[in-house]
Amino acid sequence: MISCRNVSVSYDGKAAVDGVSFDVEAGDCLCVVGENGSGKSSLLKCILGLLKPSSGEITFDGLSRSEIGYLPQQASVRSDFPANVGEVVLSGRCGRHGPFSFYGKKDKALAEHNMERLGVAPLRRKSYRDLSGGQRQRVLLARALTAADKLLMLDEPVAGLDPAMAADLYELLEGERRDGRTVMMISHDLESAVRCASKILHLRKKALFFGPAGQYEASDFYRGLRGAGDE
């Protein structure tokens, strides 16, 4: 679905991502891991077209960006815009219709379905800015699911969620894969990443590892990280 070849991203002449190559195939659950400042979010934003690579190439095969549902880091999302929960979730279909088009019955039914799945349907008329951090995260995930026809991209999706809700999220993502969606997710949680992913990309500006999750878990590299307590 996505091929990245020698992708680099620079800010003010300093490399945030340096020559990274990998592929995302249909049905993958790819977890991108690494410490803060390792380039994970910058790489995701390049794929989404929110940043332009300083060099390298990103190509799509059988996928358009309008078929991607994106959950950004909660800290990067404004919390004060005047929209209710139902409107925020339904706006996930905006990429299919444009900002000034009318939403159809199928769009509204899909938004309602995802609000029910994430437990935020009773909040549908409540202002987004009046929600707690955990509620906002669930609303944004419902929006991403409403947008995601083929690929779901998540940047630290369990941030702000309690352990029970985080476990529910991982179960939901596995269900999305069974239903035919591909998942690409940034995570700081190595153990959960290894448990739920089919592939791992470990970044430290460069790609230190890319391959099957089982191979990553069995590697001396991963065992060294766990022994050092690096998450």
C-alpha atoms as a PDB file:
ATOM      1  CA  MET A   1       0.000   0.000   0.000  1.00  0.00           C
ATOM      2  CA  ILE A   2       2.804   2.421   0.914  1.00  0.00           C
ATOM      3  CA  SER A   3       6.453   2.345  -0.045  1.00  0.00           C
ATOM      4  CA  CYS A   4       8.985   4.669   1.603  1.00  0.00           C
ATOM      5  CA  ARG A   5      12.444   4.811   0.058  1.00  0.00           C
ATOM      6  CA  ASN A   6      15.311   6.724   1.687  1.00  0.00           C
ATOM      7  CA  VAL A   7      12.919   9.233   3.252  1.00  0.00           C
ATOM      8  CA  SER A   8      14.519  12.075   5.196  1.00  0.00           C
ATOM      9  CA  VAL A   9      12.961  15.030   7.013  1.00  0.00           C
ATOM     10  CA  SER A  10      14.885  18.050   8.254  1.00  0.00           C
ATOM     11  CA  TYR A  11      14.030  21.017  10.446  1.00  0.00           C
ATOM     12  CA  ASP A  12      16.334  24.052  10.307  1.00  0.00           C
ATOM     13  CA  GLY A  13      19.022  21.930   8.716  1.00  0.00           C
ATOM     14  CA  LYS A  14      18.847  19.169  11.354  1.00  0.00           C
ATOM     15  CA  ALA A  15      17.691  15.686  10.411  1.00  0.00           C
ATOM     16  CA  ALA A  16      14.555  14.407  12.178  1.00  0.00           C
ATOM     17  CA  VAL A  17      14.309  11.351   9.899  1.00  0.00           C
ATOM     18  CA  ASP A  18      17.374  10.100   8.039  1.00  0.00           C
ATOM     19  CA  GLY A  19      17.127   7.812   5.002  1.00  0.00           C
ATOM     20  CA  VAL A  20      14.323   5.510   6.190  1.00  0.00           C
ATOM     21  CA  SER A  21      12.974   2.765   3.901  1.00  0.00           C
ATOM     22  CA  PHE A  22      10.086   0.375   4.579  1.00  0.00           C
ATOM     23  CA  ASP A  23       6.794  -0.884   3.121  1.00  0.00           C
ATOM     24  CA  VAL A  24       3.264  -1.078   4.493  1.00  0.00           C
ATOM     25  CA  GLU A  25       1.329  -3.990   3.013  1.00  0.00           C
ATOM     26  CA  ALA A  26      -2.411  -4.567   3.060  1.00  0.00           C
ATOM     27  CA  GLY A  27      -3.416  -6.261   6.325  1.00  0.00           C
ATOM     28  CA  ASP A  28      -0.341  -5.153   8.259  1.00  0.00           C
ATOM     29  CA  CYS A  29      -0.391  -3.823  11.783  1.00  0.00           C
ATOM     30  CA  LEU A  30       2.858  -1.862  11.748  1.00  0.00           C
ATOM     31  CA  CYS A  31       3.994  -0.349  15.034  1.00  0.00           C
ATOM     32  CA  VAL A  32       6.580   2.428  14.845  1.00  0.00           C
ATOM     33  CA  VAL A  33       8.556   2.593  18.094  1.00  0.00           C
ATOM     34  CA  GLY A  34      11.441   4.635  19.474  1.00  0.00           C
ATOM     35  CA  GLU A  35      12.179   7.207  22.145  1.00  0.00           C
ATOM     36  CA  ASN A  36      11.005  10.833  22.031  1.00  0.00           C
ATOM     37  CA  GLY A  37      12.616  12.810  19.213  1.00  0.00           C
ATOM     38  CA  SER A  38      13.339   9.737  17.114  1.00  0.00           C
ATOM     39  CA  GLY A  39      11.293  10.978  14.132  1.00  0.00           C
ATOM     40  CA  LYS A  40       8.171   8.846  14.487  1.00  0.00           C
ATOM     41  CA  SER A  41       5.564  11.611  14.184  1.00  0.00           C
ATOM     42  CA  SER A  42       7.504  13.386  11.437  1.00  0.00           C
ATOM     43  CA  LEU A  43       7.512  10.193   9.383  1.00  0.00           C
ATOM     44  CA  LEU A  44       3.755   9.723   9.848  1.00  0.00           C
ATOM     45  CA  LYS A  45       3.083  13.328   8.813  1.00  0.00           C
ATOM     46  CA  CYS A  46       5.123  12.845   5.646  1.00  0.00           C
ATOM     47  CA  ILE A  47       3.012   9.855   4.667  1.00  0.00           C
ATOM     48  CA  LEU A  48      -0.139  11.896   5.317  1.00  0.00           C
ATOM     49  CA  GLY A  49       1.155  14.790   3.218  1.00  0.00           C
ATOM     50  CA  LEU A  50       1.302  17.158   6.202  1.00  0.00           C
ATOM     51  CA  LEU A  51       5.088  17.452   5.845  1.00  0.00           C
ATOM     52  CA  LYS A  52       7.246  17.323   2.744  1.00  0.00           C
ATOM     53  CA  PRO A  53      10.278  15.028   2.839  1.00  0.00           C
ATOM     54  CA  SER A  54      13.589  16.801   2.355  1.00  0.00           C
ATOM     55  CA  SER A  55      14.652  13.811   0.237  1.00  0.00           C
ATOM     56  CA  GLY A  56      13.470  10.341  -0.691  1.00  0.00           C
ATOM     57  CA  GLU A  57      10.188   9.082  -2.112  1.00  0.00           C
ATOM     58  CA  ILE A  58       6.811   7.958  -0.745  1.00  0.00           C
ATOM     59  CA  THR A  59       4.522   6.111  -3.169  1.00  0.00           C
ATOM     60  CA  PHE A  60       1.013   4.675  -2.838  1.00  0.00           C
ATOM     61  CA  ASP A  61      -0.402   1.587  -4.543  1.00  0.00           C
ATOM     62  CA  GLY A  62      -4.179   1.169  -4.497  1.00  0.00           C
ATOM     63  CA  LEU A  63      -4.555   3.777  -1.756  1.00  0.00           C
ATOM     64  CA  SER A  64      -5.423   7.471  -1.678  1.00  0.00           C
ATOM     65  CA  ARG A  65      -4.944   9.763   1.295  1.00  0.00           C
ATOM     66  CA  SER A  66      -8.730  10.279   1.500  1.00  0.00           C
ATOM     67  CA  GLU A  67      -9.006   6.588   2.485  1.00  0.00           C
ATOM     68  CA  ILE A  68      -6.759   7.071   5.541  1.00  0.00           C
ATOM     69  CA  GLY A  69      -8.133   7.717   9.010  1.00  0.00           C
ATOM     70  CA  TYR A  70      -5.675   9.644  11.179  1.00  0.00           C
ATOM     71  CA  LEU A  71      -5.565   9.985  14.947  1.00  0.00           C
ATOM     72  CA  PRO A  72      -2.979  12.671  15.854  1.00  0.00           C
ATOM     73  CA  GLN A  73      -1.351  13.085  19.228  1.00  0.00           C
ATOM     74  CA  GLN A  74      -3.946  14.530  21.557  1.00  0.00           C
ATOM     75  CA  ALA A  75      -1.589  17.344  22.606  1.00  0.00           C
ATOM     76  CA  SER A  76      -1.537  18.623  19.006  1.00  0.00           C
ATOM     77  CA  VAL A  77      -5.333  18.902  18.705  1.00  0.00           C
ATOM     78  CA  ARG A  78      -7.125  22.097  19.662  1.00  0.00           C
ATOM     79  CA  SER A  79      -9.555  21.492  22.494  1.00  0.00           C
ATOM     80  CA  ASP A  80     -11.524  24.742  22.232  1.00  0.00           C
ATOM     81  CA  PHE A  81     -13.209  24.563  18.827  1.00  0.00           C
ATOM     82  CA  PRO A  82     -17.009  24.953  18.956  1.00  0.00           C
ATOM     83  CA  ALA A  83     -18.296  21.609  17.690  1.00  0.00           C
ATOM     84  CA  ASN A  84     -20.228  18.860  19.390  1.00  0.00           C
ATOM     85  CA  VAL A  85     -19.105  15.235  19.529  1.00  0.00           C
ATOM     86  CA  GLY A  86     -21.390  14.111  16.703  1.00  0.00           C
ATOM     87  CA  GLU A  87     -20.065  16.823  14.408  1.00  0.00           C
ATOM     88  CA  VAL A  88     -16.435  15.980  15.200  1.00  0.00           C
ATOM     89  CA  VAL A  89     -16.937  12.278  14.453  1.00  0.00           C
ATOM     90  CA  LEU A  90     -18.926  12.928  11.267  1.00  0.00           C
ATOM     91  CA  SER A  91     -16.202  15.264  10.011  1.00  0.00           C
ATOM     92  CA  GLY A  92     -14.118  12.139   9.437  1.00  0.00           C
ATOM     93  CA  ARG A  93     -16.048  11.811   6.149  1.00  0.00           C
ATOM     94  CA  CYS A  94     -14.985  15.285   5.045  1.00  0.00           C
ATOM     95  CA  GLY A  95     -12.125  13.905   2.972  1.00  0.00           C
ATOM     96  CA  ARG A  96     -14.610  11.942   0.868  1.00  0.00           C
ATOM     97  CA  HIS A  97     -16.988  14.835   0.189  1.00  0.00           C
ATOM     98  CA  GLY A  98     -15.168  18.126   0.804  1.00  0.00           C
ATOM     99  CA  PRO A  99     -15.808  20.615   3.610  1.00  0.00           C
ATOM    100  CA  PHE A 100     -18.922  22.170   2.070  1.00  0.00           C
ATOM    101  CA  SER A 101     -20.769  19.053   0.933  1.00  0.00           C
ATOM    102  CA  PHE A 102     -23.735  17.427   2.610  1.00  0.00           C
ATOM    103  CA  TYR A 103     -23.222  14.167   4.453  1.00  0.00           C
ATOM    104  CA  GLY A 104     -25.420  11.284   3.366  1.00  0.00           C
ATOM    105  CA  LYS A 105     -27.300   8.667   5.365  1.00  0.00           C
ATOM    106  CA  LYS A 106     -24.427   6.179   5.058  1.00  0.00           C
ATOM    107  CA  ASP A 107     -21.954   8.733   6.431  1.00  0.00           C
ATOM    108  CA  LYS A 108     -24.193   9.497   9.404  1.00  0.00           C
ATOM    109  CA  ALA A 109     -24.850   5.805  10.077  1.00  0.00           C
ATOM    110  CA  LEU A 110     -21.108   5.080  10.029  1.00  0.00           C
ATOM    111  CA  ALA A 111     -20.401   7.945  12.434  1.00  0.00           C
ATOM    112  CA  GLU A 112     -23.142   6.725  14.762  1.00  0.00           C
ATOM    113  CA  HIS A 113     -21.805   3.168  14.607  1.00  0.00           C
ATOM    114  CA  ASN A 114     -18.312   4.288  15.607  1.00  0.00           C
ATOM    115  CA  MET A 115     -19.596   6.488  18.423  1.00  0.00           C
ATOM    116  CA  GLU A 116     -21.413   3.436  19.792  1.00  0.00           C
ATOM    117  CA  ARG A 117     -18.270   1.296  19.484  1.00  0.00           C
ATOM    118  CA  LEU A 118     -16.187   3.835  21.413  1.00  0.00           C
ATOM    119  CA  GLY A 119     -18.849   4.476  24.045  1.00  0.00           C
ATOM    120  CA  VAL A 120     -19.305   8.176  23.212  1.00  0.00           C
ATOM    121  CA  ALA A 121     -22.761   8.033  21.606  1.00  0.00           C
ATOM    122  CA  PRO A 122     -24.443   9.449  24.761  1.00  0.00           C
ATOM    123  CA  LEU A 123     -22.145  12.488  24.396  1.00  0.00           C
ATOM    124  CA  ARG A 124     -23.096  13.182  20.755  1.00  0.00           C
ATOM    125  CA  ARG A 125     -24.620  16.610  21.502  1.00  0.00           C
ATOM    126  CA  LYS A 126     -22.027  17.638  24.079  1.00  0.00           C
ATOM    127  CA  SER A 127     -19.386  20.227  23.145  1.00  0.00           C
ATOM    128  CA  TYR A 128     -15.989  18.708  22.414  1.00  0.00           C
ATOM    129  CA  ARG A 129     -14.272  21.361  24.524  1.00  0.00           C
ATOM    130  CA  ASP A 130     -16.234  20.241  27.615  1.00  0.00           C
ATOM    131  CA  LEU A 131     -14.917  16.663  27.490  1.00  0.00           C
ATOM    132  CA  SER A 132     -12.232  15.067  29.621  1.00  0.00           C
ATOM    133  CA  GLY A 133      -8.933  14.028  28.057  1.00  0.00           C
ATOM    134  CA  GLY A 134      -9.950  10.376  27.852  1.00  0.00           C
ATOM    135  CA  GLN A 135     -13.318  11.265  26.303  1.00  0.00           C
ATOM    136  CA  ARG A 136     -11.617  13.460  23.693  1.00  0.00           C
ATOM    137  CA  GLN A 137      -9.277  10.643  22.747  1.00  0.00           C
ATOM    138  CA  ARG A 138     -12.200   8.268  22.217  1.00  0.00           C
ATOM    139  CA  VAL A 139     -14.031  10.871  20.113  1.00  0.00           C
ATOM    140  CA  LEU A 140     -10.960  11.436  17.927  1.00  0.00           C
ATOM    141  CA  LEU A 141     -10.540   7.687  17.506  1.00  0.00           C
ATOM    142  CA  ALA A 142     -14.201   7.384  16.477  1.00  0.00           C
ATOM    143  CA  ARG A 143     -13.545  10.144  13.926  1.00  0.00           C
ATOM    144  CA  ALA A 144     -10.474   8.318  12.576  1.00  0.00           C
ATOM    145  CA  LEU A 145     -12.439   5.077  12.251  1.00  0.00           C
ATOM    146  CA  THR A 146     -15.176   6.953  10.382  1.00  0.00           C
ATOM    147  CA  ALA A 147     -12.572   8.230   7.919  1.00  0.00           C
ATOM    148  CA  ALA A 148     -10.584   5.010   7.507  1.00  0.00           C
ATOM    149  CA  ASP A 149     -11.764   3.118   4.433  1.00  0.00           C
ATOM    150  CA  LYS A 150      -8.475   1.222   4.066  1.00  0.00           C
ATOM    151  CA  LEU A 151      -5.790   2.472   6.462  1.00  0.00           C
ATOM    152  CA  LEU A 152      -5.864   3.678  10.058  1.00  0.00           C
ATOM    153  CA  MET A 153      -2.866   5.754  11.237  1.00  0.00           C
ATOM    154  CA  LEU A 154      -2.553   6.399  14.964  1.00  0.00           C
ATOM    155  CA  ASP A 155      -0.060   8.588  16.816  1.00  0.00           C
ATOM    156  CA  GLU A 156       0.151   7.433  20.456  1.00  0.00           C
ATOM    157  CA  PRO A 157      -3.490   6.265  20.561  1.00  0.00           C
ATOM    158  CA  VAL A 158      -3.508   5.093  24.198  1.00  0.00           C
ATOM    159  CA  ALA A 159      -2.357   8.463  25.565  1.00  0.00           C
ATOM    160  CA  GLY A 160      -4.892   9.649  28.136  1.00  0.00           C
ATOM    161  CA  LEU A 161      -6.635   6.272  28.345  1.00  0.00           C
ATOM    162  CA  ASP A 162      -6.834   4.151  31.464  1.00  0.00           C
ATOM    163  CA  PRO A 163      -5.441   0.564  31.250  1.00  0.00           C
ATOM    164  CA  ALA A 164      -8.867  -0.986  30.666  1.00  0.00           C
ATOM    165  CA  MET A 165      -9.657   1.385  27.806  1.00  0.00           C
ATOM    166  CA  ALA A 166      -6.175   0.871  26.348  1.00  0.00           C
ATOM    167  CA  ALA A 167      -6.771  -2.894  26.335  1.00  0.00           C
ATOM    168  CA  ASP A 168     -10.134  -2.315  24.636  1.00  0.00           C
ATOM    169  CA  LEU A 169      -8.391  -0.168  22.024  1.00  0.00           C
ATOM    170  CA  TYR A 170      -5.874  -2.870  21.163  1.00  0.00           C
ATOM    171  CA  GLU A 171      -8.729  -5.376  20.848  1.00  0.00           C
ATOM    172  CA  LEU A 172     -10.601  -2.944  18.599  1.00  0.00           C
ATOM    173  CA  LEU A 173      -7.545  -2.532  16.356  1.00  0.00           C
ATOM    174  CA  GLU A 174      -7.260  -6.295  15.996  1.00  0.00           C
ATOM    175  CA  GLY A 175     -10.919  -6.314  14.949  1.00  0.00           C
ATOM    176  CA  GLU A 176     -10.182  -3.626  12.361  1.00  0.00           C
ATOM    177  CA  ARG A 177      -7.457  -5.826  10.880  1.00  0.00           C
ATOM    178  CA  ARG A 178      -9.826  -8.800  10.716  1.00  0.00           C
ATOM    179  CA  ASP A 179     -12.295  -6.544   8.880  1.00  0.00           C
ATOM    180  CA  GLY A 180      -9.663  -5.777   6.254  1.00  0.00           C
ATOM    181  CA  ARG A 181      -8.191  -2.454   7.389  1.00  0.00           C
ATOM    182  CA  THR A 182      -4.471  -1.877   7.640  1.00  0.00           C
ATOM    183  CA  VAL A 183      -3.091  -0.232  10.788  1.00  0.00           C
ATOM    184  CA  MET A 184       0.030   1.890  11.281  1.00  0.00           C
ATOM    185  CA  MET A 185       0.570   3.041  14.847  1.00  0.00           C
ATOM    186  CA  ILE A 186       3.168   4.964  16.842  1.00  0.00           C
ATOM    187  CA  SER A 187       3.747   3.632  20.331  1.00  0.00           C
ATOM    188  CA  HIS A 188       6.149   4.071  23.244  1.00  0.00           C
ATOM    189  CA  ASP A 189       4.962   0.796  24.762  1.00  0.00           C
ATOM    190  CA  LEU A 190       7.309  -1.875  23.411  1.00  0.00           C
ATOM    191  CA  GLU A 191       5.574  -4.820  25.073  1.00  0.00           C
ATOM    192  CA  SER A 192       2.123  -3.869  23.735  1.00  0.00           C
ATOM    193  CA  ALA A 193       3.598  -3.097  20.315  1.00  0.00           C
ATOM    194  CA  VAL A 194       5.195  -6.535  20.071  1.00  0.00           C
ATOM    195  CA  ARG A 195       1.988  -8.169  21.276  1.00  0.00           C
ATOM    196  CA  CYS A 196      -0.391  -6.479  18.816  1.00  0.00           C
ATOM    197  CA  ALA A 197       1.806  -5.746  15.767  1.00  0.00           C
ATOM    198  CA  SER A 198       2.593  -7.901  12.779  1.00  0.00           C
ATOM    199  CA  LYS A 199       5.636  -5.734  11.965  1.00  0.00           C
ATOM    200  CA  ILE A 200       7.884  -3.346  13.899  1.00  0.00           C
ATOM    201  CA  LEU A 201       9.774  -0.299  12.668  1.00  0.00           C
ATOM    202  CA  HIS A 202      12.195   0.951  15.335  1.00  0.00           C
ATOM    203  CA  LEU A 203      13.421   4.472  14.665  1.00  0.00           C
ATOM    204  CA  ARG A 204      16.236   6.539  16.034  1.00  0.00           C
ATOM    205  CA  LYS A 205      16.143   8.968  13.120  1.00  0.00           C
ATOM    206  CA  LYS A 206      17.393   6.013  11.070  1.00  0.00           C
ATOM    207  CA  ALA A 207      15.627   2.665  10.898  1.00  0.00           C
ATOM    208  CA  LEU A 208      17.335   0.462  13.494  1.00  0.00           C
ATOM    209  CA  PHE A 209      14.980  -2.443  12.773  1.00  0.00           C
ATOM    210  CA  PHE A 210      12.195  -3.240  10.312  1.00  0.00           C
ATOM    211  CA  GLY A 211      10.617  -6.646  10.088  1.00  0.00           C
ATOM    212  CA  PRO A 212       8.192  -9.138  11.670  1.00  0.00           C
ATOM    213  CA  ALA A 213       7.278  -8.537  15.305  1.00  0.00           C
ATOM    214  CA  GLY A 214       8.329 -12.046  16.297  1.00  0.00           C
ATOM    215  CA  GLN A 215      11.769 -11.519  14.809  1.00  0.00           C
ATOM    216  CA  TYR A 216      12.053  -8.188  16.647  1.00  0.00           C
ATOM    217  CA  GLU A 217      11.061  -9.770  19.967  1.00  0.00           C
ATOM    218  CA  ALA A 218      13.662 -12.523  19.531  1.00  0.00           C
ATOM    219  CA  SER A 219      16.467 -10.117  18.613  1.00  0.00           C
ATOM    220  CA  ASP A 220      19.386  -9.191  20.859  1.00  0.00           C
ATOM    221  CA  PHE A 221      18.501  -5.565  20.074  1.00  0.00           C
ATOM    222  CA  TYR A 222      15.046  -5.878  21.687  1.00  0.00           C
ATOM    223  CA  ARG A 223      16.341  -7.885  24.651  1.00  0.00           C
ATOM    224  CA  GLY A 224      18.945  -5.197  25.236  1.00  0.00           C
ATOM    225  CA  LEU A 225      16.266  -2.505  25.280  1.00  0.00           C
ATOM    226  CA  ARG A 226      14.097  -4.455  27.718  1.00  0.00           C
ATOM    227  CA  GLY A 227      17.088  -5.137  29.948  1.00  0.00           C
ATOM    228  CA  ALA A 228      17.840  -1.417  30.003  1.00  0.00           C
ATOM    229  CA  GLY A 229      14.213  -0.583  30.732  1.00  0.00           C
ATOM    230  CA  ASP A 230      13.968   1.511  27.526  1.00  0.00           C
ATOM    231  CA  GLU A 231      10.368   2.083  26.513  1.00  0.00           C
END
